[in-house]
Protein backbone atom coordinates (compact mmCIF):
# COMPACT_ATOMS: atom_id res chain seq x y z
CA MET A 1 9.96 47.85 -5.53
CA THR A 2 9.75 51.95 -4.78
CA GLY A 3 11.94 52.70 -7.81
CA LEU A 4 9.21 50.14 -10.17
CA ARG A 5 6.20 53.01 -8.84
CA ALA A 6 8.36 55.89 -9.48
CA ARG A 7 9.16 54.82 -12.86
CA GLN A 8 5.50 54.06 -13.45
CA LYS A 9 4.33 57.64 -11.91
CA ALA A 10 7.27 59.20 -14.29
CA ASP A 11 5.80 57.42 -16.86
CA ARG A 12 1.70 57.90 -16.26
CA ASN A 13 3.24 61.93 -16.11
CA ARG A 14 4.56 61.79 -19.35
CA ARG A 15 1.77 60.42 -20.83
CA ILE A 16 -0.37 63.01 -19.65
CA LEU A 17 1.89 65.69 -20.75
CA GLU A 18 2.66 64.54 -23.92
CA SER A 19 -1.28 63.50 -24.68
CA ALA A 20 -2.01 67.15 -22.94
CA THR A 21 0.27 68.92 -25.53
CA THR A 22 -1.09 66.87 -28.87
CA LEU A 23 -4.38 67.66 -27.55
CA PHE A 24 -3.71 71.37 -27.28
CA ARG A 25 -2.14 71.46 -30.81
CA GLU A 26 -5.01 69.54 -32.46
CA GLN A 27 -7.73 71.23 -30.80
CA GLY A 28 -6.43 74.71 -29.37
CA TYR A 29 -6.09 74.87 -25.76
CA ASP A 30 -9.39 76.40 -24.95
CA SER A 31 -11.13 73.13 -26.52
CA ALA A 32 -9.01 70.65 -25.19
CA ARG A 33 -11.02 68.56 -22.68
CA ILE A 34 -9.43 66.98 -19.12
CA GLU A 35 -11.39 63.81 -20.23
CA ASP A 36 -9.80 63.57 -23.40
CA ILE A 37 -6.35 64.00 -22.28
CA ALA A 38 -6.60 61.37 -19.51
CA GLU A 39 -8.44 59.05 -22.40
CA ARG A 40 -5.61 59.53 -24.94
CA ALA A 41 -2.89 58.87 -22.16
CA GLU A 42 -4.81 55.92 -21.00
CA VAL A 43 -4.92 56.91 -17.42
CA SER A 44 -8.75 57.78 -15.52
CA VAL A 45 -9.82 61.47 -15.15
CA GLY A 46 -9.28 60.39 -11.39
CA THR A 47 -5.19 59.42 -11.93
CA LEU A 48 -5.12 62.71 -14.22
CA TYR A 49 -6.07 64.53 -11.23
CA ASN A 50 -3.86 63.16 -8.84
CA TYR A 51 -1.17 64.89 -10.73
CA TYR A 52 -2.67 68.00 -11.88
CA GLN A 53 -6.07 70.10 -10.91
CA ASN A 54 -6.29 71.52 -14.26
CA LYS A 55 -5.18 72.38 -17.70
CA GLY A 56 -3.00 75.39 -16.71
CA ASP A 57 -1.33 73.15 -14.07
CA ILE A 58 -0.57 70.75 -16.72
CA LEU A 59 0.71 73.54 -19.57
CA VAL A 60 2.69 74.76 -16.43
CA ALA A 61 4.44 71.65 -16.44
CA THR A 62 4.87 71.41 -20.00
CA VAL A 63 7.00 74.74 -19.85
CA SER A 64 8.84 73.88 -17.11
CA MET A 65 9.77 70.15 -19.39
CA GLU A 66 10.50 72.60 -22.04
CA VAL A 67 13.07 74.73 -20.05
CA THR A 68 14.63 72.06 -17.87
CA GLU A 69 15.59 70.46 -20.87
CA VAL A 70 17.08 73.35 -22.65
CA LEU A 71 18.67 74.11 -19.68
CA GLU A 72 20.23 70.30 -19.45
CA ALA A 73 21.73 71.14 -23.11
CA GLY A 74 22.68 74.58 -22.34
CA GLU A 75 25.01 73.46 -19.45
CA ILE A 76 27.45 71.48 -22.28
CA ILE A 77 27.31 74.80 -24.29
CA VAL A 78 28.29 77.07 -20.95
CA ALA A 79 30.73 74.54 -19.83
CA ASN A 80 32.96 74.73 -23.53
CA PRO A 81 32.03 77.21 -25.21
CA PRO A 82 33.20 79.10 -28.19
CA LEU A 83 36.23 81.20 -27.57
CA ASN A 84 33.81 84.15 -29.69
CA VAL A 85 31.20 86.26 -27.99
CA ASN A 86 29.27 86.24 -30.74
CA GLU A 87 29.25 82.36 -31.84
CA ALA A 88 28.63 81.68 -28.04
CA LEU A 89 25.78 83.45 -27.58
CA GLY A 90 24.37 82.25 -30.90
CA ALA A 91 25.09 78.43 -29.70
CA LEU A 92 23.10 78.96 -26.67
CA ILE A 93 20.43 81.07 -27.57
CA ASN A 94 19.53 78.80 -31.22
CA GLN A 95 19.32 75.77 -28.96
CA TYR A 96 17.02 77.59 -26.89
CA TYR A 97 14.61 78.74 -29.73
CA ASP A 98 15.38 75.55 -31.63
CA HIS A 99 13.86 73.60 -29.10
CA SER A 100 11.03 75.97 -27.95
CA LEU A 101 8.41 74.56 -30.04
CA VAL A 102 9.06 71.01 -29.64
CA TYR A 103 6.50 70.76 -27.22
CA LEU A 104 4.72 74.09 -27.04
CA SER A 105 2.91 75.73 -29.47
CA LYS A 106 2.76 79.68 -30.31
CA GLU A 107 -0.55 79.39 -29.00
CA MET A 108 0.16 77.59 -25.64
CA TRP A 109 3.03 80.10 -25.59
CA ARG A 110 0.78 82.97 -25.59
CA THR A 111 -1.83 81.14 -22.97
CA ALA A 112 1.15 80.38 -20.74
CA MET A 113 2.63 84.11 -20.98
CA ALA A 114 -0.69 85.33 -20.45
CA SER A 115 -1.60 83.81 -17.65
CA SER A 116 1.48 84.58 -15.98
CA ILE A 117 0.83 88.35 -16.47
CA GLN A 118 -2.97 87.92 -15.41
CA GLN A 119 -2.69 86.04 -12.39
CA PRO A 120 0.77 86.97 -10.72
CA GLU A 121 0.30 85.17 -7.70
CA THR A 122 -0.90 82.02 -9.05
CA PRO A 123 1.83 78.88 -8.59
CA LEU A 124 1.65 79.12 -12.43
CA SER A 125 2.87 82.79 -12.61
CA LYS A 126 5.56 82.03 -10.05
CA ARG A 127 7.08 78.85 -12.13
CA TYR A 128 7.17 80.73 -15.30
CA THR A 129 8.78 83.42 -13.62
CA GLU A 130 11.36 81.15 -12.07
CA LEU A 131 11.77 79.36 -15.15
CA ASP A 132 12.58 82.84 -17.00
CA GLN A 133 15.13 83.22 -13.90
CA ARG A 134 16.86 80.23 -14.02
CA LEU A 135 17.17 80.74 -18.40
CA CYS A 136 18.65 84.84 -17.22
CA ALA A 137 21.06 83.15 -15.27
CA GLN A 138 22.37 80.78 -17.64
CA VAL A 139 22.88 83.30 -19.97
CA VAL A 140 24.97 85.37 -17.55
CA GLN A 141 26.81 82.26 -16.77
CA LEU A 142 27.98 82.27 -20.44
CA ILE A 143 29.18 85.87 -20.60
CA GLU A 144 31.44 85.28 -17.19
CA THR A 145 32.31 81.68 -18.11
CA LEU A 146 33.80 83.94 -21.59
CA GLN A 147 34.88 86.68 -19.03
CA ARG A 148 37.15 84.24 -17.15
CA ARG A 149 38.54 82.74 -20.47
CA GLY A 150 39.61 86.11 -21.47
CA VAL A 151 37.32 86.58 -24.20
CA VAL A 152 34.70 89.16 -22.74
CA ILE A 153 36.25 92.46 -21.79
CA ALA A 154 37.60 92.00 -17.89
CA GLY A 155 36.03 95.66 -17.06
CA VAL A 156 32.60 94.97 -18.12
CA ASP A 157 30.04 93.97 -15.64
CA ALA A 158 28.96 90.33 -16.89
CA ARG A 159 25.66 90.13 -14.90
CA ALA A 160 24.06 93.27 -16.32
CA ILE A 161 25.35 92.24 -20.20
CA GLY A 162 24.03 88.66 -19.46
CA GLU A 163 20.56 90.41 -18.24
CA VAL A 164 20.50 92.89 -21.85
CA PHE A 165 21.16 89.20 -24.15
CA PHE A 166 18.90 87.46 -21.91
CA ASN A 167 15.87 90.30 -21.91
CA ASN A 168 16.04 91.07 -25.54
CA LEU A 169 16.00 87.34 -26.42
CA ASN A 170 13.11 87.08 -24.60
CA ALA A 171 11.08 89.97 -25.65
CA MET A 172 12.16 88.50 -29.00
CA PHE A 173 10.59 85.75 -28.30
CA ILE A 174 7.38 87.63 -27.56
CA GLU A 175 7.02 89.09 -30.99
CA PHE A 176 7.64 85.79 -32.42
CA CYS A 177 4.72 84.21 -30.68
CA LYS A 178 2.43 86.88 -31.40
CA VAL A 179 2.93 86.78 -34.97
CA GLU A 180 1.74 83.15 -36.18
CA THR A 181 3.52 83.30 -39.76
CA MET A 182 7.02 84.35 -38.18
CA PRO A 183 9.28 81.67 -39.16
CA LEU A 184 11.87 80.41 -36.36
CA GLU A 185 15.09 81.55 -38.85
CA GLU A 186 13.57 84.67 -39.34
CA LEU A 187 13.79 84.78 -35.31
CA LYS A 188 17.35 83.98 -34.71
CA THR A 189 17.93 85.80 -37.89
CA ARG A 190 16.81 89.09 -36.10
CA VAL A 191 18.15 88.31 -32.50
CA ALA A 192 21.74 87.54 -34.00
CA GLU A 193 21.76 91.20 -35.61
CA GLN A 194 20.32 92.72 -32.61
CA HIS A 195 23.59 90.92 -30.58
CA ARG A 196 26.31 91.67 -32.74
CA PRO A 197 27.14 94.96 -32.02
CA ILE A 198 27.10 94.20 -28.59
CA ALA A 199 29.23 91.25 -28.54
CA ALA A 200 31.79 93.66 -30.83
CA LEU A 201 31.44 95.86 -28.08
CA ILE A 202 32.67 93.59 -24.94
CA SER A 203 34.62 91.40 -26.90
CA SER A 204 38.50 91.48 -26.23
CA VAL A 205 39.40 90.14 -29.34
CA LYS A 206 38.53 92.95 -31.83
CA PRO A 207 38.76 92.05 -35.73
CA VAL A 208 41.27 92.92 -37.50
């Protein structure tokens, strides 16, 4: 019985998040109403408030769902990466980017980013920062894995280099979200071009 209640709760939560993201895309984040989200999710407004206090909470929960899924997919890449620094970075980063607009639009990302900066002490901001830190840690883990396998030069500071790669991919994603017309492929191409020379510098296998 406990298992059934847990599944029902998880199902309601998923419906709320999916309904909210659909309305945020259709109407814009500011225009979407809690009442309409509840109606689309087929729950009462009171039930929705048992899960989330406001739209900001729903938005950060959606970001969390997004990042959790890309981290899980990233674990597979990190566990068995291509034995080439540039290819391994591309596999992980492109997986992040390819999933980035599954649940959130660029407008929704901008809203989440702005809220995290404007209100740094709120739970939303702290959760957003935590998710960024987990993504950064996974990029660092990738470089450490490649170093253990002899692909990255032994003397390289894997943590520092991983943080450099993450900070750049994150900054470029912000630029992507700011420009509504920029296609995803352009983002991926530009980041790959920026990372290629650094990947070559730290690679233990130099091109002939």
